[in-house]
Amino acid sequence: MTTRPIDSTQSCLRTAWRAHEPELRGWLRRRLSNPAEADDLLQDVFLKALRQGERFCSVLNARAWLFEVTRNALADKLRVARLTVELPDDLAAAMDETQTVDELTACLPRVLSELSSQDREVITLCDLQGMAQADYAAAKGLGLSAAKSRLQRARQRLKQRMTDVCQVRLDESGRVSDFVPR
């Protein structure tokens, strides 16, 4: 392996950089909303190329190498950035709604105990314990469509009972917004 003089290596890097830097900068700026972040990332890529020294000059396609390193640096930056992104307002509202619905499950055991044994059984087995509707149908000697209908009717009665007993209030889009625990 022959060793290139440092000046030759730096010349090789400068030549490749001058040829491809504008294209890399444009590519990064289209993907990042902040031009300063794109420039910082581009500087990091240049330093990586510089650290390669002689190995960079032996690369057959400098443009491909630079783009690969740039893509990887961008992916790393976005992966780290994702960890610190704040929740959008609409998603935060959805989280509040999920919390309200989760709290509503406190009403479920009492209301479920007030349903008929047939309704309680189908909801418990299929919805709470995860039994397949086809298995429920087979266990009860029903056709699949009859089992599905039974489950749907039981769900409707459970919903109505929870709405009445727990005083569930819905917002304008039909989502649970509030309730009174029992």
Protein backbone atom coordinates (compact mmCIF):
# COMPACT_ATOMS: atom_id res chain seq x y z
CA MET A 1 0.00 0.00 0.00
CA THR A 2 1.45 3.31 -1.02
CA THR A 3 1.12 6.29 1.23
CA ARG A 4 0.02 9.55 -0.29
CA PRO A 5 1.49 12.74 1.00
CA ILE A 6 -0.85 14.74 3.23
CA ASP A 7 -1.09 17.54 0.67
CA SER A 8 -2.19 15.07 -1.99
CA THR A 9 -4.86 13.60 0.31
CA GLN A 10 -6.17 17.04 1.22
CA SER A 11 -6.18 17.99 -2.44
CA CYS A 12 -8.21 14.88 -3.28
CA LEU A 13 -10.72 15.74 -0.53
CA ARG A 14 -10.96 19.40 -1.54
CA THR A 15 -11.61 18.44 -5.15
CA ALA A 16 -14.39 16.00 -4.22
CA TRP A 17 -15.83 18.47 -1.74
CA ARG A 18 -15.92 21.35 -4.22
CA ALA A 19 -17.62 19.10 -6.77
CA HIS A 20 -20.32 17.69 -4.47
CA GLU A 21 -20.83 20.12 -1.56
CA PRO A 22 -23.51 22.27 -3.27
CA GLU A 23 -25.56 19.19 -4.14
CA LEU A 24 -25.18 17.77 -0.62
CA ARG A 25 -26.13 21.12 0.96
CA GLY A 26 -29.26 21.37 -1.20
CA TRP A 27 -30.22 17.80 -0.42
CA LEU A 28 -29.89 18.40 3.32
CA ARG A 29 -31.71 21.73 3.26
CA ARG A 30 -34.67 20.11 1.53
CA ARG A 31 -34.86 17.57 4.34
CA LEU A 32 -34.23 19.83 7.32
CA SER A 33 -36.32 22.87 8.08
CA ASN A 34 -33.38 24.78 9.52
CA PRO A 35 -30.58 25.74 7.06
CA ALA A 36 -28.11 26.16 9.95
CA GLU A 37 -28.74 22.54 11.00
CA ALA A 38 -28.10 21.43 7.42
CA ASP A 39 -24.82 23.36 7.37
CA ASP A 40 -23.76 21.89 10.72
CA LEU A 41 -24.50 18.39 9.51
CA LEU A 42 -22.61 19.05 6.30
CA GLN A 43 -19.60 20.19 8.32
CA ASP A 44 -19.73 16.93 10.28
CA VAL A 45 -19.70 14.98 7.01
CA PHE A 46 -16.68 16.94 5.81
CA LEU A 47 -14.86 16.18 9.08
CA LYS A 48 -15.66 12.46 8.69
CA ALA A 49 -14.21 12.57 5.19
CA LEU A 50 -11.16 14.42 6.46
CA ARG A 51 -10.60 11.82 9.18
CA GLN A 52 -10.62 9.11 6.52
CA GLY A 53 -7.49 10.65 5.07
CA GLU A 54 -5.95 8.50 2.41
CA ARG A 55 -8.83 5.99 2.50
CA PHE A 56 -11.17 8.69 1.18
CA CYS A 57 -8.97 9.19 -1.88
CA SER A 58 -9.04 5.48 -2.64
CA VAL A 59 -12.86 5.43 -2.78
CA LEU A 60 -14.02 4.75 -6.33
CA ASN A 61 -17.06 7.05 -6.18
CA ALA A 62 -16.53 10.00 -3.83
CA ARG A 63 -20.03 11.36 -4.49
CA ALA A 64 -21.67 8.07 -3.48
CA TRP A 65 -19.51 7.89 -0.35
CA LEU A 66 -20.35 11.46 0.64
CA PHE A 67 -24.08 10.91 0.10
CA GLU A 68 -24.06 7.67 2.08
CA VAL A 69 -22.31 9.32 5.01
CA THR A 70 -24.67 12.32 4.76
CA ARG A 71 -27.78 10.09 4.72
CA ASN A 72 -26.50 8.18 7.75
CA ALA A 73 -25.69 11.40 9.63
CA LEU A 74 -29.16 12.76 8.85
CA ALA A 75 -30.82 9.53 10.01
CA ASP A 76 -28.84 9.67 13.27
CA LYS A 77 -29.83 13.30 13.80
CA LEU A 78 -33.52 12.62 13.14
CA ARG A 79 -33.51 9.56 15.39
CA VAL A 80 -32.14 11.65 18.26
CA ALA A 81 -34.49 14.54 17.48
CA ARG A 82 -37.51 12.25 17.60
CA LEU A 83 -36.78 11.45 21.22
CA THR A 84 -37.31 15.09 22.23
CA VAL A 85 -40.24 16.10 20.04
CA GLU A 86 -43.18 17.61 21.93
CA LEU A 87 -46.60 16.14 21.38
CA PRO A 88 -48.84 18.11 19.02
CA ASP A 89 -51.92 19.61 20.70
CA ASP A 90 -54.33 17.25 18.94
CA LEU A 91 -52.33 14.22 20.07
CA ALA A 92 -52.13 15.54 23.63
CA ALA A 93 -55.93 15.90 23.59
CA ALA A 94 -56.23 12.31 22.36
CA MET A 95 -54.03 11.22 25.27
CA ASP A 96 -56.39 13.00 27.69
CA GLU A 97 -59.34 11.25 26.05
CA THR A 98 -57.60 7.88 26.40
CA GLN A 99 -57.01 8.60 30.07
CA THR A 100 -60.70 9.44 30.54
CA VAL A 101 -61.75 6.21 28.83
CA ASP A 102 -59.21 4.24 30.90
CA GLU A 103 -60.66 5.76 34.08
CA LEU A 104 -64.15 4.84 32.85
CA THR A 105 -63.17 1.17 33.07
CA ALA A 106 -63.55 1.57 36.85
CA CYS A 107 -67.33 1.53 36.21
CA LEU A 108 -67.13 -1.65 34.14
CA PRO A 109 -67.13 -4.39 36.82
CA ARG A 110 -70.23 -3.10 38.57
CA VAL A 111 -72.15 -2.41 35.36
CA LEU A 112 -71.08 -5.75 33.90
CA SER A 113 -72.42 -7.54 37.00
CA GLU A 114 -75.80 -5.87 36.42
CA LEU A 115 -76.18 -7.30 32.89
CA SER A 116 -77.94 -10.57 32.14
CA SER A 117 -75.79 -13.65 32.55
CA GLN A 118 -75.84 -14.25 28.78
CA ASP A 119 -74.64 -10.69 28.00
CA ARG A 120 -72.03 -10.80 30.76
CA GLU A 121 -70.73 -14.16 29.53
CA VAL A 122 -70.33 -13.19 25.85
CA ILE A 123 -68.65 -9.86 26.69
CA THR A 124 -66.35 -11.45 29.27
CA LEU A 125 -65.30 -14.31 27.01
CA CYS A 126 -64.99 -12.49 23.68
CA ASP A 127 -64.06 -8.91 24.62
CA LEU A 128 -62.25 -9.23 27.93
CA GLN A 129 -60.64 -12.65 27.60
CA GLY A 130 -60.05 -12.55 23.86
CA MET A 131 -61.93 -15.68 22.83
CA ALA A 132 -62.56 -15.77 19.09
CA GLN A 133 -66.20 -15.37 18.15
CA ALA A 134 -66.04 -18.60 16.14
CA ASP A 135 -64.84 -20.47 19.26
CA TYR A 136 -67.63 -18.91 21.32
CA ALA A 137 -70.15 -19.94 18.66
CA ALA A 138 -68.86 -23.52 18.68
CA ALA A 139 -68.87 -23.71 22.49
CA LYS A 140 -72.46 -22.48 22.66
CA GLY A 141 -73.72 -24.49 19.69
CA LEU A 142 -74.48 -21.32 17.69
CA GLY A 143 -73.78 -20.32 14.15
CA LEU A 144 -71.08 -17.67 13.74
CA SER A 145 -73.55 -15.01 12.63
CA ALA A 146 -75.74 -15.72 15.69
CA ALA A 147 -72.73 -15.41 18.00
CA LYS A 148 -71.72 -12.12 16.36
CA SER A 149 -75.26 -10.77 16.75
CA ARG A 150 -75.39 -11.84 20.39
CA LEU A 151 -72.10 -10.05 21.07
CA GLN A 152 -73.21 -6.89 19.28
CA ARG A 153 -76.49 -6.74 21.20
CA ALA A 154 -74.65 -7.33 24.50
CA ARG A 155 -72.19 -4.53 23.67
CA GLN A 156 -75.06 -2.16 22.92
CA ARG A 157 -76.75 -2.97 26.24
CA LEU A 158 -73.42 -2.54 28.09
CA LYS A 159 -72.83 0.82 26.44
CA GLN A 160 -76.35 2.03 27.28
CA ARG A 161 -76.06 0.83 30.86
CA MET A 162 -72.64 2.50 31.33
CA THR A 163 -73.94 5.72 29.81
CA ASP A 164 -76.91 5.74 32.21
CA VAL A 165 -75.28 4.46 35.38
CA CYS A 166 -71.92 6.24 35.09
CA GLN A 167 -73.48 9.37 33.60
CA VAL A 168 -71.12 9.32 30.62
CA ARG A 169 -71.00 12.60 28.70
CA LEU A 170 -69.89 12.70 25.11
CA ASP A 171 -68.34 15.63 23.27
CA GLU A 172 -69.60 16.94 19.92
CA SER A 173 -67.68 14.25 18.04
CA GLY A 174 -69.19 11.43 20.10
CA ARG A 175 -66.12 10.73 22.25
CA VAL A 176 -66.21 10.25 26.00
CA SER A 177 -65.45 13.59 27.65
CA ASP A 178 -66.54 13.00 31.24
CA PHE A 179 -68.37 10.58 33.56
CA VAL A 180 -69.29 10.12 37.19
CA PRO A 181 -67.49 7.16 38.78
CA ARG A 182 -69.62 4.67 40.64
